[in-house]
PDB file of all heavy atoms in Angstrom:
ATOM      1  N   GLU A   1      42.812-199.316  89.844  1.00  0.00           N
ATOM      2  CA  GLU A   1      41.865-198.761  90.811  1.00  0.00           C
ATOM      3  C   GLU A   1      42.585-198.380  92.102  1.00  0.00           C
ATOM      4  O   GLU A   1      42.346-197.314  92.681  1.00  0.00           O
ATOM      5  CB  GLU A   1      40.767-199.800  91.088  1.00  0.00           C
ATOM      6  CG  GLU A   1      39.731-199.371  92.106  1.00  0.00           C
ATOM      7  CD  GLU A   1      38.855-198.233  91.616  1.00  0.00           C
ATOM      8  OE1 GLU A   1      38.806-198.000  90.387  1.00  0.00           O
ATOM      9  OE2 GLU A   1      38.236-197.570  92.470  1.00  0.00           O
ATOM     10  N   VAL A   2      43.510-199.267  92.564  1.00  0.00           N
ATOM     11  CA  VAL A   2      44.275-198.978  93.784  1.00  0.00           C
ATOM     12  C   VAL A   2      45.137-197.731  93.584  1.00  0.00           C
ATOM     13  O   VAL A   2      45.215-196.859  94.455  1.00  0.00           O
ATOM     14  CB  VAL A   2      45.152-200.194  94.159  1.00  0.00           C
ATOM     15  CG1 VAL A   2      46.117-199.831  95.274  1.00  0.00           C
ATOM     16  CG2 VAL A   2      44.269-201.359  94.588  1.00  0.00           C
ATOM     17  N   ILE A   3      45.780-197.654  92.400  1.00  0.00           N
ATOM     18  CA  ILE A   3      46.632-196.491  92.109  1.00  0.00           C
ATOM     19  C   ILE A   3      45.805-195.217  92.093  1.00  0.00           C
ATOM     20  O   ILE A   3      46.206-194.181  92.640  1.00  0.00           O
ATOM     21  CB  ILE A   3      47.353-196.696  90.760  1.00  0.00           C
ATOM     22  CG1 ILE A   3      48.366-197.836  90.876  1.00  0.00           C
ATOM     23  CG2 ILE A   3      48.031-195.410  90.309  1.00  0.00           C
ATOM     24  CD1 ILE A   3      48.995-198.243  89.564  1.00  0.00           C
ATOM     25  N   ASN A   4      44.610-195.304  91.448  1.00  0.00           N
ATOM     26  CA  ASN A   4      43.744-194.118  91.380  1.00  0.00           C
ATOM     27  C   ASN A   4      43.289-193.684  92.767  1.00  0.00           C
ATOM     28  O   ASN A   4      43.242-192.489  93.075  1.00  0.00           O
ATOM     29  CB  ASN A   4      42.536-194.406  90.495  1.00  0.00           C
ATOM     30  CG  ASN A   4      42.915-194.525  89.039  1.00  0.00           C
ATOM     31  OD1 ASN A   4      43.947-194.007  88.615  1.00  0.00           O
ATOM     32  ND2 ASN A   4      42.099-195.231  88.254  1.00  0.00           N
ATOM     33  N   VAL A   5      42.911-194.698  93.588  1.00  0.00           N
ATOM     34  CA  VAL A   5      42.459-194.374  94.950  1.00  0.00           C
ATOM     35  C   VAL A   5      43.592-193.731  95.741  1.00  0.00           C
ATOM     36  O   VAL A   5      43.405-192.721  96.434  1.00  0.00           O
ATOM     37  CB  VAL A   5      41.944-195.642  95.663  1.00  0.00           C
ATOM     38  CG1 VAL A   5      41.714-195.373  97.146  1.00  0.00           C
ATOM     39  CG2 VAL A   5      40.654-196.114  95.008  1.00  0.00           C
ATOM     40  N   ALA A   6      44.795-194.340  95.614  1.00  0.00           N
ATOM     41  CA  ALA A   6      45.946-193.793  96.342  1.00  0.00           C
ATOM     42  C   ALA A   6      46.262-192.378  95.879  1.00  0.00           C
ATOM     43  O   ALA A   6      46.555-191.482  96.687  1.00  0.00           O
ATOM     44  CB  ALA A   6      47.162-194.702  96.139  1.00  0.00           C
ATOM     45  N   SER A   7      46.190-192.172  94.561  1.00  0.00           N
ATOM     46  CA  SER A   7      46.457-190.839  94.016  1.00  0.00           C
ATOM     47  C   SER A   7      45.439-189.834  94.526  1.00  0.00           C
ATOM     48  O   SER A   7      45.789-188.716  94.914  1.00  0.00           O
ATOM     49  CB  SER A   7      46.428-190.897  92.484  1.00  0.00           C
ATOM     50  OG  SER A   7      46.602-189.619  91.936  1.00  0.00           O
ATOM     51  N   GLU A   8      44.163-190.276  94.514  1.00  0.00           N
ATOM     52  CA  GLU A   8      43.105-189.378  94.983  1.00  0.00           C
ATOM     53  C   GLU A   8      43.293-189.053  96.467  1.00  0.00           C
ATOM     54  O   GLU A   8      43.138-187.896  96.889  1.00  0.00           O
ATOM     55  CB  GLU A   8      41.737-190.028  94.745  1.00  0.00           C
ATOM     56  CG  GLU A   8      40.569-189.145  95.146  1.00  0.00           C
ATOM     57  CD  GLU A   8      39.235-189.807  94.887  1.00  0.00           C
ATOM     58  OE1 GLU A   8      39.220-190.875  94.253  1.00  0.00           O
ATOM     59  OE2 GLU A   8      38.219-189.252  95.339  1.00  0.00           O
ATOM     60  N   GLN A   9      43.636-190.075  97.261  1.00  0.00           N
ATOM     61  CA  GLN A   9      43.847-189.855  98.695  1.00  0.00           C
ATOM     62  C   GLN A   9      45.036-188.908  98.925  1.00  0.00           C
ATOM     63  O   GLN A   9      44.973-188.016  99.785  1.00  0.00           O
ATOM     64  CB  GLN A   9      44.108-191.194  99.393  1.00  0.00           C
ATOM     65  CG  GLN A   9      42.888-192.109  99.459  1.00  0.00           C
ATOM     66  CD  GLN A   9      41.837-191.595 100.419  1.00  0.00           C
ATOM     67  OE1 GLN A   9      42.097-190.695 101.206  1.00  0.00           O
ATOM     68  NE2 GLN A   9      40.636-192.155 100.349  1.00  0.00           N
ATOM     69  N   ASN A  10      46.103-189.104  98.129  1.00  0.00           N
ATOM     70  CA  ASN A  10      47.273-188.223  98.271  1.00  0.00           C
ATOM     71  C   ASN A  10      46.916-186.776  97.958  1.00  0.00           C
ATOM     72  O   ASN A  10      47.339-185.845  98.652  1.00  0.00           O
ATOM     73  CB  ASN A  10      48.403-188.699  97.350  1.00  0.00           C
ATOM     74  CG  ASN A  10      49.069-189.953  97.874  1.00  0.00           C
ATOM     75  OD1 ASN A  10      48.989-190.255  99.072  1.00  0.00           O
ATOM     76  ND2 ASN A  10      49.721-190.699  96.996  1.00  0.00           N
ATOM     77  N   ASN A  11      46.129-186.599  96.874  1.00  0.00           N
ATOM     78  CA  ASN A  11      45.725-185.245  96.498  1.00  0.00           C
ATOM     79  C   ASN A  11      44.880-184.606  97.603  1.00  0.00           C
ATOM     80  O   ASN A  11      45.020-183.420  97.918  1.00  0.00           O
ATOM     81  CB  ASN A  11      44.948-185.266  95.182  1.00  0.00           C
ATOM     82  CG  ASN A  11      45.838-185.581  94.007  1.00  0.00           C
ATOM     83  OD1 ASN A  11      47.050-185.343  94.056  1.00  0.00           O
ATOM     84  ND2 ASN A  11      45.264-186.126  92.943  1.00  0.00           N
ATOM     85  N   ARG A  12      43.974-185.435  98.164  1.00  0.00           N
ATOM     86  CA  ARG A  12      43.115-184.892  99.233  1.00  0.00           C
ATOM     87  C   ARG A  12      43.938-184.551 100.476  1.00  0.00           C
ATOM     88  O   ARG A  12      43.693-183.527 101.132  1.00  0.00           O
ATOM     89  CB  ARG A  12      42.024-185.908  99.585  1.00  0.00           C
ATOM     90  CG  ARG A  12      40.966-186.044  98.495  1.00  0.00           C
ATOM     91  CD  ARG A  12      39.827-186.924  98.957  1.00  0.00           C
ATOM     92  NE  ARG A  12      38.802-187.059  97.929  1.00  0.00           N
ATOM     93  CZ  ARG A  12      37.679-187.719  98.090  1.00  0.00           C
ATOM     94  NH1 ARG A  12      37.425-188.317  99.254  1.00  0.00           N
ATOM     95  NH2 ARG A  12      36.793-187.807  97.114  1.00  0.00           N
ATOM     96  N   LEU A  13      44.902-185.426 100.791  1.00  0.00           N
ATOM     97  CA  LEU A  13      45.731-185.163 101.966  1.00  0.00           C
ATOM     98  C   LEU A  13      46.567-183.901 101.776  1.00  0.00           C
ATOM     99  O   LEU A  13      46.737-183.097 102.703  1.00  0.00           O
ATOM    100  CB  LEU A  13      46.649-186.367 102.227  1.00  0.00           C
ATOM    101  CG  LEU A  13      45.953-187.607 102.815  1.00  0.00           C
ATOM    102  CD1 LEU A  13      46.910-188.785 102.834  1.00  0.00           C
ATOM    103  CD2 LEU A  13      45.410-187.318 104.216  1.00  0.00           C
ATOM    104  N   LEU A  14      47.092-183.737 100.531  1.00  0.00           N
ATOM    105  CA  LEU A  14      47.874-182.540 100.247  1.00  0.00           C
ATOM    106  C   LEU A  14      47.013-181.291 100.385  1.00  0.00           C
ATOM    107  O   LEU A  14      47.407-180.300 101.006  1.00  0.00           O
ATOM    108  CB  LEU A  14      48.459-182.638  98.832  1.00  0.00           C
ATOM    109  CG  LEU A  14      49.362-181.471  98.399  1.00  0.00           C
ATOM    110  CD1 LEU A  14      50.580-181.361  99.317  1.00  0.00           C
ATOM    111  CD2 LEU A  14      49.805-181.658  96.950  1.00  0.00           C
ATOM    112  N   ASN A  15      45.799-181.376  99.813  1.00  0.00           N
ATOM    113  CA  ASN A  15      44.879-180.241  99.899  1.00  0.00           C
ATOM    114  C   ASN A  15      44.511-179.959 101.353  1.00  0.00           C
ATOM    115  O   ASN A  15      44.451-178.809 101.798  1.00  0.00           O
ATOM    116  CB  ASN A  15      43.631-180.546  99.062  1.00  0.00           C
ATOM    117  CG  ASN A  15      42.663-179.380  99.034  1.00  0.00           C
ATOM    118  OD1 ASN A  15      43.048-178.233  98.819  1.00  0.00           O
ATOM    119  ND2 ASN A  15      41.391-179.676  99.277  1.00  0.00           N
ATOM    120  N   PHE A  16      44.266-181.048 102.098  1.00  0.00           N
ATOM    121  CA  PHE A  16      43.887-180.902 103.495  1.00  0.00           C
ATOM    122  C   PHE A  16      45.037-180.282 104.307  1.00  0.00           C
ATOM    123  O   PHE A  16      44.818-179.454 105.195  1.00  0.00           O
ATOM    124  CB  PHE A  16      43.499-182.263 104.064  1.00  0.00           C
ATOM    125  CG  PHE A  16      42.996-182.183 105.481  1.00  0.00           C
ATOM    126  CD1 PHE A  16      41.738-181.673 105.759  1.00  0.00           C
ATOM    127  CD2 PHE A  16      43.790-182.620 106.536  1.00  0.00           C
ATOM    128  CE1 PHE A  16      41.282-181.614 107.061  1.00  0.00           C
ATOM    129  CE2 PHE A  16      43.332-182.543 107.835  1.00  0.00           C
ATOM    130  CZ  PHE A  16      42.070-182.044 108.099  1.00  0.00           C
ATOM    131  N   ALA A  17      46.274-180.681 103.969  1.00  0.00           N
ATOM    132  CA  ALA A  17      47.437-180.121 104.676  1.00  0.00           C
ATOM    133  C   ALA A  17      47.517-178.615 104.478  1.00  0.00           C
ATOM    134  O   ALA A  17      47.810-177.855 105.404  1.00  0.00           O
ATOM    135  CB  ALA A  17      48.720-180.793 104.181  1.00  0.00           C
ATOM    136  N   HIS A  18      47.233-178.163 103.226  1.00  0.00           N
ATOM    137  CA  HIS A  18      47.232-176.723 102.961  1.00  0.00           C
ATOM    138  C   HIS A  18      46.157-176.020 103.785  1.00  0.00           C
ATOM    139  O   HIS A  18      46.379-174.934 104.334  1.00  0.00           O
ATOM    140  CB  HIS A  18      46.994-176.475 101.470  1.00  0.00           C
ATOM    141  CG  HIS A  18      48.164-176.839 100.611  1.00  0.00           C
ATOM    142  ND1 HIS A  18      49.463-176.442 100.874  1.00  0.00           N
ATOM    143  CD2 HIS A  18      48.226-177.583  99.464  1.00  0.00           C
ATOM    144  CE1 HIS A  18      50.273-176.911  99.947  1.00  0.00           C
ATOM    145  NE2 HIS A  18      49.554-177.613  99.077  1.00  0.00           N
ATOM    146  N   ILE A  19      44.962-176.678 103.841  1.00  0.00           N
ATOM    147  CA  ILE A  19      43.854-176.073 104.600  1.00  0.00           C
ATOM    148  C   ILE A  19      44.212-175.953 106.079  1.00  0.00           C
ATOM    149  O   ILE A  19      44.039-174.902 106.716  1.00  0.00           O
ATOM    150  CB  ILE A  19      42.577-176.901 104.415  1.00  0.00           C
ATOM    151  CG1 ILE A  19      42.095-176.810 102.961  1.00  0.00           C
ATOM    152  CG2 ILE A  19      41.468-176.431 105.353  1.00  0.00           C
ATOM    153  CD1 ILE A  19      40.972-177.765 102.634  1.00  0.00           C
ATOM    154  N   VAL A  20      44.725-177.077 106.623  1.00  0.00           N
ATOM    155  CA  VAL A  20      45.086-177.084 108.052  1.00  0.00           C
ATOM    156  C   VAL A  20      46.149-176.024 108.327  1.00  0.00           C
ATOM    157  O   VAL A  20      46.063-175.243 109.285  1.00  0.00           O
ATOM    158  CB  VAL A  20      45.579-178.483 108.470  1.00  0.00           C
ATOM    159  CG1 VAL A  20      46.174-178.440 109.872  1.00  0.00           C
ATOM    160  CG2 VAL A  20      44.423-179.469 108.406  1.00  0.00           C
ATOM    161  N   SER A  21      47.164-176.003 107.461  1.00  0.00           N
ATOM    162  CA  SER A  21      48.258-175.050 107.660  1.00  0.00           C
ATOM    163  C   SER A  21      47.743-173.613 107.645  1.00  0.00           C
ATOM    164  O   SER A  21      48.083-172.809 108.509  1.00  0.00           O
ATOM    165  CB  SER A  21      49.307-175.253 106.559  1.00  0.00           C
ATOM    166  OG  SER A  21      50.298-174.263 106.645  1.00  0.00           O
ATOM    167  N   HIS A  22      46.891-173.314 106.664  1.00  0.00           N
ATOM    168  CA  HIS A  22      46.393-171.941 106.541  1.00  0.00           C
ATOM    169  C   HIS A  22      45.510-171.562 107.716  1.00  0.00           C
ATOM    170  O   HIS A  22      45.671-170.509 108.346  1.00  0.00           O
ATOM    171  CB  HIS A  22      45.634-171.813 105.212  1.00  0.00           C
ATOM    172  CG  HIS A  22      44.962-170.480 105.042  1.00  0.00           C
ATOM    173  ND1 HIS A  22      43.663-170.252 105.472  1.00  0.00           N
ATOM    174  CD2 HIS A  22      45.423-169.315 104.506  1.00  0.00           C
ATOM    175  CE1 HIS A  22      43.342-168.998 105.205  1.00  0.00           C
ATOM    176  NE2 HIS A  22      44.371-168.409 104.618  1.00  0.00           N
ATOM    177  N   ASN A  23      44.524-172.432 108.031  1.00  0.00           N
ATOM    178  CA  ASN A  23      43.534-172.077 109.057  1.00  0.00           C
ATOM    179  C   ASN A  23      44.139-172.006 110.459  1.00  0.00           C
ATOM    180  O   ASN A  23      43.873-171.062 111.219  1.00  0.00           O
ATOM    181  CB  ASN A  23      42.379-173.075 109.039  1.00  0.00           C
ATOM    182  CG  ASN A  23      41.565-172.958 107.758  1.00  0.00           C
ATOM    183  OD1 ASN A  23      41.645-171.953 107.065  1.00  0.00           O
ATOM    184  ND2 ASN A  23      40.796-173.984 107.454  1.00  0.00           N
ATOM    185  N   LEU A  24      44.941-173.021 110.796  1.00  0.00           N
ATOM    186  CA  LEU A  24      45.520-173.020 112.148  1.00  0.00           C
ATOM    187  C   LEU A  24      46.557-171.902 112.285  1.00  0.00           C
ATOM    188  O   LEU A  24      46.706-171.309 113.364  1.00  0.00           O
ATOM    189  CB  LEU A  24      46.157-174.382 112.453  1.00  0.00           C
ATOM    190  CG  LEU A  24      45.161-175.553 112.556  1.00  0.00           C
ATOM    191  CD1 LEU A  24      45.891-176.827 112.964  1.00  0.00           C
ATOM    192  CD2 LEU A  24      44.047-175.240 113.573  1.00  0.00           C
ATOM    193  N   ARG A  25      47.269-171.610 111.181  1.00  0.00           N
ATOM    194  CA  ARG A  25      48.233-170.515 111.246  1.00  0.00           C
ATOM    195  C   ARG A  25      47.518-169.184 111.488  1.00  0.00           C
ATOM    196  O   ARG A  25      47.986-168.323 112.237  1.00  0.00           O
ATOM    197  CB  ARG A  25      49.053-170.458 109.954  1.00  0.00           C
ATOM    198  CG  ARG A  25      50.169-169.398 110.010  1.00  0.00           C
ATOM    199  CD  ARG A  25      51.156-169.523 108.855  1.00  0.00           C
ATOM    200  NE  ARG A  25      50.497-169.340 107.594  1.00  0.00           N
ATOM    201  CZ  ARG A  25      50.335-170.292 106.691  1.00  0.00           C
ATOM    202  NH1 ARG A  25      50.807-171.508 106.946  1.00  0.00           N
ATOM    203  NH2 ARG A  25      49.728-170.062 105.553  1.00  0.00           N
ATOM    204  N   SER A  26      46.339-169.006 110.869  1.00  0.00           N
ATOM    205  CA  SER A  26      45.575-167.772 111.073  1.00  0.00           C
ATOM    206  C   SER A  26      45.160-167.630 112.533  1.00  0.00           C
ATOM    207  O   SER A  26      45.292-166.550 113.144  1.00  0.00           O
ATOM    208  CB  SER A  26      44.337-167.786 110.174  1.00  0.00           C
ATOM    209  OG  SER A  26      44.712-167.815 108.822  1.00  0.00           O
ATOM    210  N   HIS A  27      44.635-168.744 113.107  1.00  0.00           N
ATOM    211  CA  HIS A  27      44.222-168.705 114.517  1.00  0.00           C
ATOM    212  C   HIS A  27      45.430-168.471 115.436  1.00  0.00           C
ATOM    213  O   HIS A  27      45.344-167.713 116.416  1.00  0.00           O
ATOM    214  CB  HIS A  27      43.512-170.011 114.897  1.00  0.00           C
ATOM    215  CG  HIS A  27      42.139-170.123 114.279  1.00  0.00           C
ATOM    216  ND1 HIS A  27      41.110-169.256 114.580  1.00  0.00           N
ATOM    217  CD2 HIS A  27      41.651-171.006 113.383  1.00  0.00           C
ATOM    218  CE1 HIS A  27      40.035-169.607 113.897  1.00  0.00           C
ATOM    219  NE2 HIS A  27      40.334-170.674 113.154  1.00  0.00           N
TER     220      HIS A  27
END
């Protein structure tokens, strides 16, 4: 469960990093 949560959090953080990078770069 801990591994799954960590994996899920990592995936979300990676996705969020892409979003932040794209949106702030556009602005």
